[in-house]
Amino acid sequence: MADKSQGDWYAIYTRHQHERAVAYLLSTRGLETFLPLYHGVHQWKDRKKHLSLPLFPCYVFARGESGCHVRALSAPGVCMIVGVGGQPTAIPASEIQAIRKALSSSLRVEPHPFLCCGDQVRLRTGPLAGVEGILLRKKNVCRLILSVALLGRSVAVEVDALCVERVARQIPAGSA
């Protein structure tokens, strides 16, 4: 449940590999930040290393009281606040909450290409019960795709196909 007193969530576009520094700077400026990380393995010629990497490279999510945009934009490493027509666009709290819920579960979460098509599903049981996303099969494993539409980015979480139910797509008013 979103707390309206905290304000809306916004996506902050950062310089390459500046996500952690920007998240820290924004939090010191009074903004609530969310930098979702996943565990990945990078391999070089001579070694492998386990790393905590941003789930959405070059993005940090932040929210705060009105007027927080100026504080965010003036932070070193911040390129812009993602928006439409030059105006910052809020991200639905349900999208942020779904990603938080996936990260707090014991399920594997990883970046995934953004999808616009596919079946919209809701998980009925398990640690992500009630979370909605797009169902995808990859290498005989079912994955739930969770998206942040404004960024055009998605993440994949492995799920049991027996735990999902199809959700009817909502047709926006005036598009008939």
C-alpha atoms as a PDB file:
ATOM      1  CA  MET A   1       0.000   0.000   0.000  1.00  0.00           C
ATOM      2  CA  ALA A   2       1.487   3.339  -1.044  1.00  0.00           C
ATOM      3  CA  ASP A   3       1.801   6.106   1.502  1.00  0.00           C
ATOM      4  CA  LYS A   4       0.705   9.291  -0.263  1.00  0.00           C
ATOM      5  CA  SER A   5       2.462  11.478   2.327  1.00  0.00           C
ATOM      6  CA  GLN A   6       5.782  10.293   0.877  1.00  0.00           C
ATOM      7  CA  GLY A   7       4.964  11.494  -2.650  1.00  0.00           C
ATOM      8  CA  ASP A   8       5.170   9.684  -5.963  1.00  0.00           C
ATOM      9  CA  TRP A   9       7.985   7.457  -7.200  1.00  0.00           C
ATOM     10  CA  TYR A  10      10.128   8.745 -10.061  1.00  0.00           C
ATOM     11  CA  ALA A  11      12.892   7.146 -12.121  1.00  0.00           C
ATOM     12  CA  ILE A  12      16.192   9.011 -11.995  1.00  0.00           C
ATOM     13  CA  TYR A  13      18.448   8.358 -15.004  1.00  0.00           C
ATOM     14  CA  THR A  14      22.106   8.284 -13.924  1.00  0.00           C
ATOM     15  CA  ARG A  15      25.508   8.227 -15.539  1.00  0.00           C
ATOM     16  CA  HIS A  16      26.797   4.728 -16.317  1.00  0.00           C
ATOM     17  CA  GLN A  17      27.722   2.844 -13.110  1.00  0.00           C
ATOM     18  CA  HIS A  18      26.763   5.779 -10.842  1.00  0.00           C
ATOM     19  CA  GLU A  19      23.578   4.179  -9.441  1.00  0.00           C
ATOM     20  CA  ARG A  20      24.900   3.489  -5.914  1.00  0.00           C
ATOM     21  CA  ALA A  21      26.519   6.918  -5.545  1.00  0.00           C
ATOM     22  CA  VAL A  22      23.363   8.681  -6.777  1.00  0.00           C
ATOM     23  CA  ALA A  23      21.139   6.611  -4.455  1.00  0.00           C
ATOM     24  CA  TYR A  24      23.365   7.558  -1.512  1.00  0.00           C
ATOM     25  CA  LEU A  25      23.465  11.264  -2.436  1.00  0.00           C
ATOM     26  CA  LEU A  26      19.695  11.443  -2.922  1.00  0.00           C
ATOM     27  CA  SER A  27      19.071   9.763   0.435  1.00  0.00           C
ATOM     28  CA  THR A  28      21.351  12.320   2.133  1.00  0.00           C
ATOM     29  CA  ARG A  29      19.211  15.035   0.505  1.00  0.00           C
ATOM     30  CA  GLY A  30      16.046  13.722   2.150  1.00  0.00           C
ATOM     31  CA  LEU A  31      14.639  11.584  -0.647  1.00  0.00           C
ATOM     32  CA  GLU A  32      13.575   7.978  -0.188  1.00  0.00           C
ATOM     33  CA  THR A  33      15.514   5.881  -2.685  1.00  0.00           C
ATOM     34  CA  PHE A  34      15.123   2.396  -4.082  1.00  0.00           C
ATOM     35  CA  LEU A  35      18.010   0.767  -5.956  1.00  0.00           C
ATOM     36  CA  PRO A  36      16.983  -2.824  -6.738  1.00  0.00           C
ATOM     37  CA  LEU A  37      19.978  -5.160  -7.009  1.00  0.00           C
ATOM     38  CA  TYR A  38      20.342  -8.761  -8.167  1.00  0.00           C
ATOM     39  CA  HIS A  39      23.185 -11.230  -7.829  1.00  0.00           C
ATOM     40  CA  GLY A  40      25.028 -12.008 -11.053  1.00  0.00           C
ATOM     41  CA  VAL A  41      28.241 -13.652 -12.119  1.00  0.00           C
ATOM     42  CA  HIS A  42      30.704 -11.877 -14.393  1.00  0.00           C
ATOM     43  CA  GLN A  43      33.312 -13.971 -16.112  1.00  0.00           C
ATOM     44  CA  TRP A  44      36.655 -12.770 -17.376  1.00  0.00           C
ATOM     45  CA  LYS A  45      39.284 -14.883 -19.135  1.00  0.00           C
ATOM     46  CA  ASP A  46      40.952 -15.902 -15.888  1.00  0.00           C
ATOM     47  CA  ARG A  47      38.234 -15.723 -13.226  1.00  0.00           C
ATOM     48  CA  LYS A  48      34.592 -15.455 -12.233  1.00  0.00           C
ATOM     49  CA  LYS A  49      33.235 -12.970  -9.754  1.00  0.00           C
ATOM     50  CA  HIS A  50      29.868 -12.820  -7.984  1.00  0.00           C
ATOM     51  CA  LEU A  51      28.526  -9.266  -8.005  1.00  0.00           C
ATOM     52  CA  SER A  52      25.511  -7.305  -6.817  1.00  0.00           C
ATOM     53  CA  LEU A  53      24.333  -5.460  -9.920  1.00  0.00           C
ATOM     54  CA  PRO A  54      21.532  -2.935 -10.538  1.00  0.00           C
ATOM     55  CA  LEU A  55      18.389  -4.619 -11.795  1.00  0.00           C
ATOM     56  CA  PHE A  56      17.757  -1.507 -13.904  1.00  0.00           C
ATOM     57  CA  PRO A  57      21.183  -0.249 -15.052  1.00  0.00           C
ATOM     58  CA  CYS A  58      21.507   3.574 -14.998  1.00  0.00           C
ATOM     59  CA  TYR A  59      18.282   4.038 -12.987  1.00  0.00           C
ATOM     60  CA  VAL A  60      17.507   4.813  -9.348  1.00  0.00           C
ATOM     61  CA  PHE A  61      13.960   5.207  -8.048  1.00  0.00           C
ATOM     62  CA  ALA A  62      13.264   8.085  -5.666  1.00  0.00           C
ATOM     63  CA  ARG A  63      10.382   9.829  -3.989  1.00  0.00           C
ATOM     64  CA  GLY A  64       9.992  12.737  -1.664  1.00  0.00           C
ATOM     65  CA  GLU A  65       7.927  15.782  -0.847  1.00  0.00           C
ATOM     66  CA  SER A  66       6.969  18.221  -3.603  1.00  0.00           C
ATOM     67  CA  GLY A  67       9.935  20.159  -4.936  1.00  0.00           C
ATOM     68  CA  CYS A  68      12.296  17.218  -4.539  1.00  0.00           C
ATOM     69  CA  HIS A  69      12.990  17.259  -8.286  1.00  0.00           C
ATOM     70  CA  VAL A  70      15.368  20.190  -7.961  1.00  0.00           C
ATOM     71  CA  ARG A  71      17.367  18.434  -5.233  1.00  0.00           C
ATOM     72  CA  ALA A  72      17.536  15.291  -7.343  1.00  0.00           C
ATOM     73  CA  LEU A  73      18.605  17.014 -10.561  1.00  0.00           C
ATOM     74  CA  SER A  74      21.437  18.898  -8.861  1.00  0.00           C
ATOM     75  CA  ALA A  75      23.066  15.712  -7.523  1.00  0.00           C
ATOM     76  CA  PRO A  76      26.320  14.682  -9.225  1.00  0.00           C
ATOM     77  CA  GLY A  77      25.800  11.703 -11.532  1.00  0.00           C
ATOM     78  CA  VAL A  78      22.121  12.480 -12.229  1.00  0.00           C
ATOM     79  CA  CYS A  79      21.344  13.017 -15.916  1.00  0.00           C
ATOM     80  CA  MET A  80      17.577  13.546 -15.782  1.00  0.00           C
ATOM     81  CA  ILE A  81      14.289  12.533 -14.243  1.00  0.00           C
ATOM     82  CA  VAL A  82      12.435  10.256 -16.650  1.00  0.00           C
ATOM     83  CA  GLY A  83       9.270  11.815 -17.985  1.00  0.00           C
ATOM     84  CA  VAL A  84       7.127  12.737 -20.934  1.00  0.00           C
ATOM     85  CA  GLY A  85       7.190  16.118 -22.662  1.00  0.00           C
ATOM     86  CA  GLY A  86       9.881  17.452 -20.352  1.00  0.00           C
ATOM     87  CA  GLN A  87       7.763  16.785 -17.250  1.00  0.00           C
ATOM     88  CA  PRO A  88       8.711  14.095 -14.696  1.00  0.00           C
ATOM     89  CA  THR A  89       6.283  11.178 -14.855  1.00  0.00           C
ATOM     90  CA  ALA A  90       5.330   9.254 -11.720  1.00  0.00           C
ATOM     91  CA  ILE A  91       5.732   5.478 -11.647  1.00  0.00           C
ATOM     92  CA  PRO A  92       2.748   3.561 -10.259  1.00  0.00           C
ATOM     93  CA  ALA A  93       3.480   2.465  -6.683  1.00  0.00           C
ATOM     94  CA  SER A  94       2.180  -1.020  -7.585  1.00  0.00           C
ATOM     95  CA  GLU A  95       5.116  -1.504 -10.006  1.00  0.00           C
ATOM     96  CA  ILE A  96       7.659  -0.545  -7.333  1.00  0.00           C
ATOM     97  CA  GLN A  97       5.880  -2.729  -4.750  1.00  0.00           C
ATOM     98  CA  ALA A  98       5.863  -5.743  -7.115  1.00  0.00           C
ATOM     99  CA  ILE A  99       9.630  -5.449  -7.644  1.00  0.00           C
ATOM    100  CA  ARG A 100      10.248  -5.052  -3.889  1.00  0.00           C
ATOM    101  CA  LYS A 101       8.133  -8.126  -3.192  1.00  0.00           C
ATOM    102  CA  ALA A 102      10.008 -10.178  -5.797  1.00  0.00           C
ATOM    103  CA  LEU A 103      13.390  -9.115  -4.376  1.00  0.00           C
ATOM    104  CA  SER A 104      12.371  -9.963  -0.812  1.00  0.00           C
ATOM    105  CA  SER A 105      11.312 -13.473  -1.854  1.00  0.00           C
ATOM    106  CA  SER A 106      13.705 -16.385  -2.188  1.00  0.00           C
ATOM    107  CA  LEU A 107      13.078 -16.542  -5.934  1.00  0.00           C
ATOM    108  CA  ARG A 108      15.741 -15.796  -8.552  1.00  0.00           C
ATOM    109  CA  VAL A 109      15.297 -12.297 -10.020  1.00  0.00           C
ATOM    110  CA  GLU A 110      17.212 -11.074 -13.070  1.00  0.00           C
ATOM    111  CA  PRO A 111      16.903  -8.364 -15.760  1.00  0.00           C
ATOM    112  CA  HIS A 112      14.759  -9.240 -18.745  1.00  0.00           C
ATOM    113  CA  PRO A 113      13.932  -7.513 -22.026  1.00  0.00           C
ATOM    114  CA  PHE A 114      10.734  -5.443 -21.856  1.00  0.00           C
ATOM    115  CA  LEU A 115       7.692  -7.223 -23.301  1.00  0.00           C
ATOM    116  CA  CYS A 116       4.532  -5.640 -24.644  1.00  0.00           C
ATOM    117  CA  CYS A 117       2.721  -8.832 -25.568  1.00  0.00           C
ATOM    118  CA  GLY A 118       1.931 -12.074 -23.771  1.00  0.00           C
ATOM    119  CA  ASP A 119      -0.572 -13.247 -21.227  1.00  0.00           C
ATOM    120  CA  GLN A 120      -1.117 -11.029 -18.205  1.00  0.00           C
ATOM    121  CA  VAL A 121      -1.167 -13.299 -15.149  1.00  0.00           C
ATOM    122  CA  ARG A 122      -1.521 -13.076 -11.368  1.00  0.00           C
ATOM    123  CA  LEU A 123       0.173 -15.434  -8.937  1.00  0.00           C
ATOM    124  CA  ARG A 124      -2.396 -17.162  -6.711  1.00  0.00           C
ATOM    125  CA  THR A 125      -0.052 -18.723  -4.148  1.00  0.00           C
ATOM    126  CA  GLY A 126       3.507 -18.565  -2.884  1.00  0.00           C
ATOM    127  CA  PRO A 127       5.698 -15.661  -1.777  1.00  0.00           C
ATOM    128  CA  LEU A 128       4.497 -13.462  -4.685  1.00  0.00           C
ATOM    129  CA  ALA A 129       0.767 -14.129  -4.261  1.00  0.00           C
ATOM    130  CA  GLY A 130      -1.238 -11.275  -5.793  1.00  0.00           C
ATOM    131  CA  VAL A 131       1.606  -9.955  -7.974  1.00  0.00           C
ATOM    132  CA  GLU A 132       0.705  -9.496 -11.636  1.00  0.00           C
ATOM    133  CA  GLY A 133       2.965  -9.691 -14.657  1.00  0.00           C
ATOM    134  CA  ILE A 134       3.477 -11.354 -18.026  1.00  0.00           C
ATOM    135  CA  LEU A 135       4.037 -15.105 -18.169  1.00  0.00           C
ATOM    136  CA  LEU A 136       6.937 -16.345 -20.287  1.00  0.00           C
ATOM    137  CA  ARG A 137       8.537 -19.739 -20.861  1.00  0.00           C
ATOM    138  CA  LYS A 138      12.304 -19.927 -21.263  1.00  0.00           C
ATOM    139  CA  LYS A 139      14.167 -23.246 -21.370  1.00  0.00           C
ATOM    140  CA  ASN A 140      11.140 -25.117 -19.933  1.00  0.00           C
ATOM    141  CA  VAL A 141      11.039 -22.778 -16.924  1.00  0.00           C
ATOM    142  CA  CYS A 142       8.151 -20.392 -16.358  1.00  0.00           C
ATOM    143  CA  ARG A 143       9.021 -16.822 -15.526  1.00  0.00           C
ATOM    144  CA  LEU A 144       6.886 -13.904 -14.456  1.00  0.00           C
ATOM    145  CA  ILE A 145       7.948 -10.683 -16.145  1.00  0.00           C
ATOM    146  CA  LEU A 146       7.577  -7.571 -13.953  1.00  0.00           C
ATOM    147  CA  SER A 147       7.833  -4.285 -15.823  1.00  0.00           C
ATOM    148  CA  VAL A 148       8.385  -0.611 -15.178  1.00  0.00           C
ATOM    149  CA  ALA A 149       6.556   0.705 -18.246  1.00  0.00           C
ATOM    150  CA  LEU A 150       7.942   4.245 -18.055  1.00  0.00           C
ATOM    151  CA  LEU A 151      11.516   2.937 -18.339  1.00  0.00           C
ATOM    152  CA  GLY A 152      10.753   0.275 -20.929  1.00  0.00           C
ATOM    153  CA  ARG A 153      12.567  -2.217 -18.662  1.00  0.00           C
ATOM    154  CA  SER A 154      11.563  -5.536 -17.128  1.00  0.00           C
ATOM    155  CA  VAL A 155      12.811  -8.198 -14.740  1.00  0.00           C
ATOM    156  CA  ALA A 156      12.111 -11.947 -14.720  1.00  0.00           C
ATOM    157  CA  VAL A 157      11.271 -14.102 -11.682  1.00  0.00           C
ATOM    158  CA  GLU A 158      11.088 -17.902 -11.878  1.00  0.00           C
ATOM    159  CA  VAL A 159       7.615 -19.147 -10.859  1.00  0.00           C
ATOM    160  CA  ASP A 160       5.601 -22.361 -10.825  1.00  0.00           C
ATOM    161  CA  ALA A 161       3.163 -22.342 -13.766  1.00  0.00           C
ATOM    162  CA  LEU A 162       0.523 -24.043 -11.593  1.00  0.00           C
ATOM    163  CA  CYS A 163       0.404 -20.974  -9.317  1.00  0.00           C
ATOM    164  CA  VAL A 164      -0.730 -18.478 -11.968  1.00  0.00           C
ATOM    165  CA  GLU A 165      -4.144 -17.421 -13.190  1.00  0.00           C
ATOM    166  CA  ARG A 166      -4.910 -15.360 -16.286  1.00  0.00           C
ATOM    167  CA  VAL A 167      -5.975 -11.753 -15.701  1.00  0.00           C
ATOM    168  CA  ALA A 168      -8.385 -10.046 -18.100  1.00  0.00           C
ATOM    169  CA  ARG A 169      -6.716  -7.109 -19.835  1.00  0.00           C
ATOM    170  CA  GLN A 170      -8.234  -3.731 -19.067  1.00  0.00           C
ATOM    171  CA  ILE A 171      -9.187  -1.703 -22.149  1.00  0.00           C
ATOM    172  CA  PRO A 172      -8.551   2.011 -21.562  1.00  0.00           C
ATOM    173  CA  ALA A 173     -11.635   4.216 -21.776  1.00  0.00           C
ATOM    174  CA  GLY A 174     -12.113   5.843 -25.164  1.00  0.00           C
ATOM    175  CA  SER A 175      -9.998   3.325 -27.109  1.00  0.00           C
ATOM    176  CA  ALA A 176     -12.906   1.247 -28.402  1.00  0.00           C
END
